[in-house]
Amino acid sequence: MIIGWLRLAFFLYIGLTIAYFLTAIYSRSVRREKLEKEWDTDPAREGAPADERTAFIEAGMVHYEKGLKKRLLWLIYIIPTIAFVVTIYFVNWD
């Protein structure tokens, strides 16, 4: 019985890991695109060198990596784990 739960948890975490990486890649892509559009639509930056644009985008991405949105991605693991443990409890010990 316990082997079945462990097998289910193993495959659950494989799926969650795939979901985490895909969501992280998508989130980074959206943030980078937003920074690029912000740079391109600012008339004060028109004609600025390409290395300034790259530096602006990289600084924004460093800020994103330390931000709340990046840390909230861990909820992809936390919420299903809590649901899994609660399900095991109610199925077996209720």
C-alpha atoms as a PDB file:
ATOM      1  CA  MET A   1       0.000   0.000   0.000  1.00  0.00           C
ATOM      2  CA  ILE A   2       2.733   2.447   0.919  1.00  0.00           C
ATOM      3  CA  ILE A   3       4.667   1.562  -2.248  1.00  0.00           C
ATOM      4  CA  GLY A   4       1.682   2.678  -4.330  1.00  0.00           C
ATOM      5  CA  TRP A   5       1.603   6.064  -2.593  1.00  0.00           C
ATOM      6  CA  LEU A   6       5.347   6.494  -3.040  1.00  0.00           C
ATOM      7  CA  ARG A   7       5.113   5.628  -6.725  1.00  0.00           C
ATOM      8  CA  LEU A   8       2.282   8.112  -7.143  1.00  0.00           C
ATOM      9  CA  ALA A   9       4.288  10.798  -5.323  1.00  0.00           C
ATOM     10  CA  PHE A  10       7.334  10.096  -7.499  1.00  0.00           C
ATOM     11  CA  PHE A  11       5.400  10.592 -10.721  1.00  0.00           C
ATOM     12  CA  LEU A  12       3.601  13.587  -9.241  1.00  0.00           C
ATOM     13  CA  TYR A  13       6.935  15.298  -8.571  1.00  0.00           C
ATOM     14  CA  ILE A  14       8.200  14.473 -12.050  1.00  0.00           C
ATOM     15  CA  GLY A  15       5.111  16.176 -13.465  1.00  0.00           C
ATOM     16  CA  LEU A  16       5.437  19.101 -11.083  1.00  0.00           C
ATOM     17  CA  THR A  17       9.085  19.554 -12.008  1.00  0.00           C
ATOM     18  CA  ILE A  18       8.185  19.702 -15.690  1.00  0.00           C
ATOM     19  CA  ALA A  19       5.400  22.198 -14.918  1.00  0.00           C
ATOM     20  CA  TYR A  20       7.789  24.283 -12.785  1.00  0.00           C
ATOM     21  CA  PHE A  21      10.458  24.526 -15.472  1.00  0.00           C
ATOM     22  CA  LEU A  22       7.970  25.314 -18.243  1.00  0.00           C
ATOM     23  CA  THR A  23       6.292  27.987 -16.122  1.00  0.00           C
ATOM     24  CA  ALA A  24       9.654  29.478 -15.108  1.00  0.00           C
ATOM     25  CA  ILE A  25      10.798  29.649 -18.730  1.00  0.00           C
ATOM     26  CA  TYR A  26       7.522  31.248 -19.791  1.00  0.00           C
ATOM     27  CA  SER A  27       7.591  33.735 -16.906  1.00  0.00           C
ATOM     28  CA  ARG A  28      11.175  34.786 -17.711  1.00  0.00           C
ATOM     29  CA  SER A  29      10.238  35.176 -21.364  1.00  0.00           C
ATOM     30  CA  VAL A  30       7.257  37.391 -20.554  1.00  0.00           C
ATOM     31  CA  ARG A  31       9.347  39.547 -18.207  1.00  0.00           C
ATOM     32  CA  ARG A  32      12.143  39.942 -20.782  1.00  0.00           C
ATOM     33  CA  GLU A  33       9.625  40.891 -23.463  1.00  0.00           C
ATOM     34  CA  LYS A  34       8.075  43.469 -21.143  1.00  0.00           C
ATOM     35  CA  LEU A  35      11.492  45.014 -20.488  1.00  0.00           C
ATOM     36  CA  GLU A  36      12.260  45.098 -24.210  1.00  0.00           C
ATOM     37  CA  LYS A  37       8.956  46.826 -24.961  1.00  0.00           C
ATOM     38  CA  GLU A  38       9.538  49.284 -22.118  1.00  0.00           C
ATOM     39  CA  TRP A  39      12.905  50.231 -23.623  1.00  0.00           C
ATOM     40  CA  ASP A  40      11.565  50.453 -27.171  1.00  0.00           C
ATOM     41  CA  THR A  41       8.570  52.658 -26.312  1.00  0.00           C
ATOM     42  CA  ASP A  42      10.527  55.236 -24.285  1.00  0.00           C
ATOM     43  CA  PRO A  43      11.243  58.177 -26.600  1.00  0.00           C
ATOM     44  CA  ALA A  44      14.092  59.400 -24.360  1.00  0.00           C
ATOM     45  CA  ARG A  45      16.056  56.233 -25.164  1.00  0.00           C
ATOM     46  CA  GLU A  46      15.703  56.528 -28.912  1.00  0.00           C
ATOM     47  CA  GLY A  47      19.061  56.222 -30.616  1.00  0.00           C
ATOM     48  CA  ALA A  48      20.781  54.806 -27.537  1.00  0.00           C
ATOM     49  CA  PRO A  49      23.472  52.202 -28.137  1.00  0.00           C
ATOM     50  CA  ALA A  50      22.549  48.529 -28.146  1.00  0.00           C
ATOM     51  CA  ASP A  51      24.796  47.777 -25.169  1.00  0.00           C
ATOM     52  CA  GLU A  52      22.747  50.170 -22.988  1.00  0.00           C
ATOM     53  CA  ARG A  53      19.578  48.338 -24.015  1.00  0.00           C
ATOM     54  CA  THR A  54      21.176  45.003 -23.169  1.00  0.00           C
ATOM     55  CA  ALA A  55      22.375  46.323 -19.803  1.00  0.00           C
ATOM     56  CA  PHE A  56      18.874  47.651 -19.027  1.00  0.00           C
ATOM     57  CA  ILE A  57      17.272  44.303 -19.842  1.00  0.00           C
ATOM     58  CA  GLU A  58      19.857  42.320 -17.858  1.00  0.00           C
ATOM     59  CA  ALA A  59      19.431  44.615 -14.829  1.00  0.00           C
ATOM     60  CA  GLY A  60      15.683  44.082 -15.029  1.00  0.00           C
ATOM     61  CA  MET A  61      16.130  40.322 -15.217  1.00  0.00           C
ATOM     62  CA  VAL A  62      18.428  40.352 -12.167  1.00  0.00           C
ATOM     63  CA  HIS A  63      15.718  42.267 -10.312  1.00  0.00           C
ATOM     64  CA  TYR A  64      13.137  39.700 -11.485  1.00  0.00           C
ATOM     65  CA  GLU A  65      15.268  36.783 -10.221  1.00  0.00           C
ATOM     66  CA  LYS A  66      15.221  38.295  -6.718  1.00  0.00           C
ATOM     67  CA  GLY A  67      11.560  39.274  -6.826  1.00  0.00           C
ATOM     68  CA  LEU A  68       8.343  37.850  -5.446  1.00  0.00           C
ATOM     69  CA  LYS A  69       7.054  36.474  -8.748  1.00  0.00           C
ATOM     70  CA  LYS A  70      10.039  34.169  -9.049  1.00  0.00           C
ATOM     71  CA  ARG A  71       9.554  32.884  -5.495  1.00  0.00           C
ATOM     72  CA  LEU A  72       5.825  32.322  -6.003  1.00  0.00           C
ATOM     73  CA  LEU A  73       6.658  29.668  -8.579  1.00  0.00           C
ATOM     74  CA  TRP A  74       7.528  27.371  -5.671  1.00  0.00           C
ATOM     75  CA  LEU A  75       3.790  27.157  -4.995  1.00  0.00           C
ATOM     76  CA  ILE A  76       3.735  24.735  -7.930  1.00  0.00           C
ATOM     77  CA  TYR A  77       5.359  22.246  -5.518  1.00  0.00           C
ATOM     78  CA  ILE A  78       3.852  23.371  -2.211  1.00  0.00           C
ATOM     79  CA  ILE A  79       0.119  23.355  -2.977  1.00  0.00           C
ATOM     80  CA  PRO A  80      -0.037  19.869  -4.586  1.00  0.00           C
ATOM     81  CA  THR A  81       2.159  18.461  -1.799  1.00  0.00           C
ATOM     82  CA  ILE A  82      -0.236  19.740   0.837  1.00  0.00           C
ATOM     83  CA  ALA A  83      -3.194  18.373  -1.131  1.00  0.00           C
ATOM     84  CA  PHE A  84      -1.432  14.998  -1.505  1.00  0.00           C
ATOM     85  CA  VAL A  85      -0.676  14.714   2.210  1.00  0.00           C
ATOM     86  CA  VAL A  86      -4.225  15.731   3.181  1.00  0.00           C
ATOM     87  CA  THR A  87      -5.643  13.169   0.725  1.00  0.00           C
ATOM     88  CA  ILE A  88      -3.453  10.413   2.149  1.00  0.00           C
ATOM     89  CA  TYR A  89      -4.549  11.349   5.664  1.00  0.00           C
ATOM     90  CA  PHE A  90      -8.268  11.316   4.907  1.00  0.00           C
ATOM     91  CA  VAL A  91      -8.145   8.145   2.821  1.00  0.00           C
ATOM     92  CA  ASN A  92      -6.157   6.114   5.326  1.00  0.00           C
ATOM     93  CA  TRP A  93      -6.831   7.452   8.811  1.00  0.00           C
ATOM     94  CA  ASP A  94     -10.300   8.902   8.783  1.00  0.00           C
END
